[in-house]
Each structure stands twice: as C-alpha cells, then as structure tokens.
Amino acid sequence: MERERQQKLEEQEEIKRLRKELIPKAQLMPYFERPFVPRRSEKQPTVPREPKFCIPRHKTIRCCRMSCNDMSGPSQLQHLPSSVEKTEALYKNRGLQ
C-alpha cells in the first residue's frame, strides 16, 4: 500500500515537472537590420531535353499472349477485313457500285 502511494506521488510530481517544461516561452525577435541578399548559384543551369515518348518493349501493356508483331502474319489477318473491304461492302449495301 505504502509503496503504491509513493509511486503515485512520484508519477504526479513527474507529470507536474513535465507540464512546467512544456509551457511555451517567448522567443527572440529575428534581426532585420541587415536585409537578406541571396548568393548567386555557382551551378550550371540545366539543359532542356526533348521528352522520350516511345515506350520500351518490356514496359508495354499486353492484352493477350500474342504481341502486335505476331498478328502481322497472314494467318492472323485473314479473319480481319481491311478498310478497303469495309468500304466496298458499304458501297454494295447502298447500291452505289
């Protein structure tokens, strides 16, 4: 019992001491008599470069297992109608040919 009371008193005293330390104290005003003059940098200015808009092949997004180059073969393009075939089909449907 006695020991517990002693610990509580010590804790309370420590809390009081910490609170006194945390009281905000006035700080000195900065000295404005001399104006601040920044020094010129000794580094060379940066050289502008053109942006690189091409994406490396290893960073491209692949939506399927075949890449775009693999689809250029004749077996892959057989089922895809070309733009000429599409326009011819439109003309035939409209009766313009």
N, C-alpha and C. Protein backbone atom coordinates (compact mmCIF):
# COMPACT_ATOMS: atom_id res chain seq x y z
N MET A 1 0.82 -1.19 0.00
CA MET A 1 0.00 0.00 0.00
C MET A 1 0.87 1.26 0.00
N GLU A 2 1.79 1.24 0.93
CA GLU A 2 2.68 2.41 1.08
C GLU A 2 3.49 2.63 -0.20
N ARG A 3 3.92 1.54 -0.77
CA ARG A 3 4.75 1.61 -1.99
C ARG A 3 3.92 2.16 -3.16
N GLU A 4 2.66 1.76 -3.27
CA GLU A 4 1.79 2.23 -4.34
C GLU A 4 1.54 3.73 -4.23
N ARG A 5 1.32 4.20 -3.02
CA ARG A 5 1.12 5.63 -2.79
C ARG A 5 2.36 6.41 -3.19
N GLN A 6 3.52 5.87 -2.80
CA GLN A 6 4.79 6.52 -3.13
C GLN A 6 4.95 6.63 -4.65
N GLN A 7 4.60 5.55 -5.38
CA GLN A 7 4.72 5.57 -6.84
C GLN A 7 3.76 6.59 -7.46
N LYS A 8 2.54 6.66 -6.96
CA LYS A 8 1.57 7.61 -7.48
C LYS A 8 2.05 9.04 -7.26
N LEU A 9 2.59 9.31 -6.07
CA LEU A 9 3.10 10.66 -5.78
C LEU A 9 4.26 11.01 -6.72
N GLU A 10 5.15 10.05 -6.94
CA GLU A 10 6.27 10.29 -7.83
C GLU A 10 5.79 10.56 -9.26
N GLU A 11 4.80 9.79 -9.71
CA GLU A 11 4.26 9.99 -11.04
C GLU A 11 3.61 11.37 -11.17
N GLN A 12 2.87 11.79 -10.15
CA GLN A 12 2.21 13.09 -10.19
C GLN A 12 3.24 14.21 -10.21
N GLU A 13 4.29 14.07 -9.41
CA GLU A 13 5.34 15.09 -9.40
C GLU A 13 6.05 15.16 -10.75
N GLU A 14 6.27 13.99 -11.35
CA GLU A 14 6.92 13.97 -12.67
C GLU A 14 6.02 14.61 -13.73
N ILE A 15 4.71 14.36 -13.63
CA ILE A 15 3.77 14.97 -14.58
C ILE A 15 3.76 16.49 -14.41
N LYS A 16 3.79 16.97 -13.16
CA LYS A 16 3.83 18.41 -12.91
C LYS A 16 5.10 19.02 -13.49
N ARG A 17 6.21 18.34 -13.31
CA ARG A 17 7.50 18.83 -13.82
C ARG A 17 7.48 18.89 -15.35
N LEU A 18 6.93 17.85 -15.97
CA LEU A 18 6.87 17.84 -17.43
C LEU A 18 5.96 18.94 -17.97
N ARG A 19 4.86 19.19 -17.28
CA ARG A 19 3.95 20.24 -17.72
C ARG A 19 4.61 21.61 -17.62
N LYS A 20 5.41 21.82 -16.58
CA LYS A 20 6.12 23.10 -16.44
C LYS A 20 7.13 23.28 -17.57
N GLU A 21 7.76 22.19 -17.99
CA GLU A 21 8.73 22.28 -19.08
C GLU A 21 8.06 22.58 -20.41
N LEU A 22 6.81 22.16 -20.56
CA LEU A 22 6.11 22.33 -21.83
C LEU A 22 5.45 23.70 -21.98
N ILE A 23 5.54 24.55 -20.98
CA ILE A 23 4.95 25.88 -21.07
C ILE A 23 5.69 26.65 -22.16
N PRO A 24 4.96 27.22 -23.14
CA PRO A 24 5.64 27.96 -24.21
C PRO A 24 6.33 29.20 -23.66
N LYS A 25 7.52 29.42 -24.15
CA LYS A 25 8.30 30.58 -23.71
C LYS A 25 8.51 31.51 -24.88
N ALA A 26 8.65 32.79 -24.60
CA ALA A 26 8.83 33.79 -25.65
C ALA A 26 10.16 33.57 -26.35
N GLN A 27 10.14 33.74 -27.67
CA GLN A 27 11.37 33.61 -28.45
C GLN A 27 11.82 35.00 -28.88
N LEU A 28 13.09 35.15 -29.11
CA LEU A 28 13.64 36.43 -29.53
C LEU A 28 13.17 36.78 -30.93
N MET A 29 12.98 38.06 -31.16
CA MET A 29 12.61 38.53 -32.49
C MET A 29 13.81 38.40 -33.42
N PRO A 30 13.57 38.05 -34.68
CA PRO A 30 14.70 37.96 -35.61
C PRO A 30 15.29 39.34 -35.90
N TYR A 31 16.52 39.37 -36.28
CA TYR A 31 17.25 40.60 -36.52
C TYR A 31 17.06 41.01 -37.98
N PHE A 32 16.32 42.13 -38.22
CA PHE A 32 16.00 42.56 -39.58
C PHE A 32 16.79 43.78 -40.03
N GLU A 33 17.80 44.17 -39.32
CA GLU A 33 18.57 45.36 -39.69
C GLU A 33 19.31 45.15 -41.01
N ARG A 34 19.89 43.97 -41.18
CA ARG A 34 20.58 43.67 -42.44
C ARG A 34 19.62 42.92 -43.35
N PRO A 35 19.38 43.41 -44.56
CA PRO A 35 18.49 42.67 -45.47
C PRO A 35 19.18 41.40 -45.98
N PHE A 36 18.39 40.39 -46.22
CA PHE A 36 18.93 39.13 -46.72
C PHE A 36 19.14 39.24 -48.23
N VAL A 37 20.36 39.00 -48.68
CA VAL A 37 20.68 39.02 -50.10
C VAL A 37 21.16 37.61 -50.47
N PRO A 38 20.39 36.91 -51.27
CA PRO A 38 20.81 35.55 -51.63
C PRO A 38 22.01 35.58 -52.56
N ARG A 39 22.86 34.58 -52.41
CA ARG A 39 24.03 34.49 -53.28
C ARG A 39 23.65 33.81 -54.59
N ARG A 40 24.32 34.20 -55.64
CA ARG A 40 24.06 33.58 -56.94
C ARG A 40 24.64 32.17 -56.93
N SER A 41 23.89 31.25 -57.49
CA SER A 41 24.32 29.87 -57.52
C SER A 41 25.52 29.69 -58.46
N GLU A 42 26.41 28.81 -58.06
CA GLU A 42 27.58 28.54 -58.89
C GLU A 42 27.37 27.34 -59.80
N LYS A 43 26.22 26.68 -59.69
CA LYS A 43 25.93 25.54 -60.54
C LYS A 43 25.54 26.00 -61.94
N GLN A 44 25.80 25.14 -62.92
CA GLN A 44 25.41 25.42 -64.29
C GLN A 44 23.89 25.23 -64.43
N PRO A 45 23.23 26.04 -65.27
CA PRO A 45 21.79 25.84 -65.46
C PRO A 45 21.52 24.51 -66.16
N THR A 46 20.35 23.98 -65.93
CA THR A 46 20.01 22.70 -66.54
C THR A 46 19.78 22.87 -68.03
N VAL A 47 20.10 21.83 -68.78
CA VAL A 47 19.92 21.85 -70.22
C VAL A 47 18.60 21.16 -70.55
N PRO A 48 17.69 21.84 -71.26
CA PRO A 48 16.43 21.20 -71.58
C PRO A 48 16.63 20.06 -72.57
N ARG A 49 15.85 19.00 -72.40
CA ARG A 49 15.92 17.85 -73.30
C ARG A 49 14.53 17.56 -73.83
N GLU A 50 14.48 16.97 -75.00
CA GLU A 50 13.21 16.55 -75.58
C GLU A 50 12.68 15.37 -74.78
N PRO A 51 11.38 15.31 -74.55
CA PRO A 51 10.83 14.15 -73.83
C PRO A 51 10.86 12.91 -74.72
N LYS A 52 11.01 11.77 -74.08
CA LYS A 52 11.01 10.49 -74.79
C LYS A 52 9.60 9.90 -74.68
N PHE A 53 8.89 9.89 -75.80
CA PHE A 53 7.53 9.39 -75.79
C PHE A 53 7.44 7.92 -76.17
N CYS A 54 8.53 7.35 -76.65
CA CYS A 54 8.46 5.93 -77.01
C CYS A 54 8.55 5.09 -75.74
N ILE A 55 7.81 4.00 -75.73
CA ILE A 55 7.78 3.12 -74.57
C ILE A 55 8.61 1.89 -74.89
N PRO A 56 9.53 1.52 -74.04
CA PRO A 56 10.31 0.31 -74.29
C PRO A 56 9.42 -0.92 -74.37
N ARG A 57 9.84 -1.91 -75.13
CA ARG A 57 9.01 -3.10 -75.35
C ARG A 57 8.71 -3.84 -74.05
N HIS A 58 9.65 -3.85 -73.10
CA HIS A 58 9.41 -4.60 -71.87
C HIS A 58 8.41 -3.90 -70.95
N LYS A 59 8.09 -2.63 -71.26
CA LYS A 59 7.13 -1.91 -70.43
C LYS A 59 5.76 -1.77 -71.09
N THR A 60 5.58 -2.32 -72.28
CA THR A 60 4.30 -2.20 -72.95
C THR A 60 3.27 -3.10 -72.29
N ILE A 61 2.01 -2.72 -72.41
CA ILE A 61 0.92 -3.50 -71.83
C ILE A 61 0.45 -4.49 -72.88
N ARG A 62 0.39 -5.72 -72.51
CA ARG A 62 -0.06 -6.75 -73.44
C ARG A 62 -1.43 -7.24 -72.98
N CYS A 63 -2.40 -7.12 -73.88
CA CYS A 63 -3.75 -7.52 -73.52
C CYS A 63 -3.97 -9.00 -73.77
N CYS A 64 -3.17 -9.60 -74.60
CA CYS A 64 -3.29 -11.03 -74.84
C CYS A 64 -1.89 -11.62 -74.99
N ARG A 65 -1.81 -12.89 -75.20
CA ARG A 65 -0.50 -13.54 -75.26
C ARG A 65 0.26 -13.21 -76.53
N MET A 66 -0.45 -12.84 -77.57
CA MET A 66 0.21 -12.53 -78.84
C MET A 66 0.53 -11.05 -78.89
N SER A 67 1.72 -10.70 -79.31
CA SER A 67 2.07 -9.30 -79.42
C SER A 67 1.58 -8.77 -80.75
N CYS A 68 1.70 -7.48 -80.97
CA CYS A 68 1.22 -6.87 -82.21
C CYS A 68 2.02 -7.38 -83.41
N ASN A 69 3.30 -7.66 -83.22
CA ASN A 69 4.11 -8.16 -84.33
C ASN A 69 3.68 -9.56 -84.73
N ASP A 70 3.21 -10.37 -83.80
CA ASP A 70 2.78 -11.72 -84.12
C ASP A 70 1.50 -11.71 -84.95
N MET A 71 0.68 -10.68 -84.81
CA MET A 71 -0.58 -10.62 -85.54
C MET A 71 -0.40 -10.19 -86.98
N SER A 72 0.81 -9.76 -87.37
CA SER A 72 1.03 -9.29 -88.73
C SER A 72 1.12 -10.43 -89.73
N GLY A 73 1.19 -11.65 -89.28
CA GLY A 73 1.26 -12.80 -90.18
C GLY A 73 -0.03 -12.98 -90.95
N PRO A 74 0.02 -13.67 -92.10
CA PRO A 74 -1.17 -13.81 -92.93
C PRO A 74 -2.27 -14.63 -92.27
N SER A 75 -1.91 -15.58 -91.41
CA SER A 75 -2.95 -16.41 -90.79
C SER A 75 -3.79 -15.61 -89.81
N GLN A 76 -3.21 -14.64 -89.18
CA GLN A 76 -3.94 -13.84 -88.21
C GLN A 76 -4.80 -12.77 -88.87
N LEU A 77 -4.38 -12.28 -90.05
CA LEU A 77 -5.10 -11.19 -90.69
C LEU A 77 -6.22 -11.68 -91.60
N GLN A 78 -6.35 -12.97 -91.80
CA GLN A 78 -7.35 -13.47 -92.72
C GLN A 78 -8.76 -13.16 -92.23
N HIS A 79 -9.01 -13.25 -90.94
CA HIS A 79 -10.35 -13.03 -90.44
C HIS A 79 -10.67 -11.55 -90.24
N LEU A 80 -9.68 -10.67 -90.34
CA LEU A 80 -9.91 -9.25 -90.15
C LEU A 80 -10.12 -8.58 -91.51
N PRO A 81 -11.25 -7.95 -91.77
CA PRO A 81 -11.45 -7.27 -93.05
C PRO A 81 -10.65 -5.98 -93.10
N SER A 82 -10.06 -5.70 -94.25
CA SER A 82 -9.28 -4.48 -94.39
C SER A 82 -10.23 -3.31 -94.58
N SER A 83 -9.69 -2.10 -94.53
CA SER A 83 -10.52 -0.91 -94.68
C SER A 83 -11.08 -0.83 -96.10
N VAL A 84 -10.33 -1.33 -97.09
CA VAL A 84 -10.83 -1.32 -98.47
C VAL A 84 -12.04 -2.24 -98.57
N GLU A 85 -11.94 -3.42 -97.96
CA GLU A 85 -13.07 -4.36 -98.00
C GLU A 85 -14.29 -3.78 -97.29
N LYS A 86 -14.07 -3.05 -96.23
CA LYS A 86 -15.19 -2.44 -95.50
C LYS A 86 -15.88 -1.40 -96.36
N THR A 87 -15.11 -0.54 -97.03
CA THR A 87 -15.73 0.48 -97.87
C THR A 87 -16.44 -0.14 -99.05
N GLU A 88 -15.85 -1.19 -99.63
CA GLU A 88 -16.54 -1.88 -100.74
C GLU A 88 -17.86 -2.47 -100.28
N ALA A 89 -17.88 -3.04 -99.08
CA ALA A 89 -19.11 -3.61 -98.56
C ALA A 89 -20.16 -2.52 -98.33
N LEU A 90 -19.75 -1.36 -97.86
CA LEU A 90 -20.70 -0.24 -97.67
C LEU A 90 -21.29 0.21 -98.98
N TYR A 91 -20.43 0.33 -100.01
CA TYR A 91 -20.92 0.74 -101.32
C TYR A 91 -21.91 -0.26 -101.87
N LYS A 92 -21.62 -1.56 -101.69
CA LYS A 92 -22.53 -2.59 -102.20
C LYS A 92 -23.88 -2.54 -101.49
N ASN A 93 -23.84 -2.31 -100.18
CA ASN A 93 -25.09 -2.24 -99.42
C ASN A 93 -25.94 -1.04 -99.85
N ARG A 94 -25.30 0.04 -100.24
CA ARG A 94 -26.03 1.26 -100.61
C ARG A 94 -26.39 1.26 -102.10
N GLY A 95 -25.81 0.35 -102.85
CA GLY A 95 -26.12 0.28 -104.26
C GLY A 95 -25.40 1.33 -105.08
N LEU A 96 -24.25 1.79 -104.63
CA LEU A 96 -23.52 2.82 -105.33
C LEU A 96 -22.53 2.26 -106.35
N GLN A 97 -22.27 1.00 -106.38
CA GLN A 97 -21.25 0.48 -107.28
C GLN A 97 -21.82 -0.09 -108.52
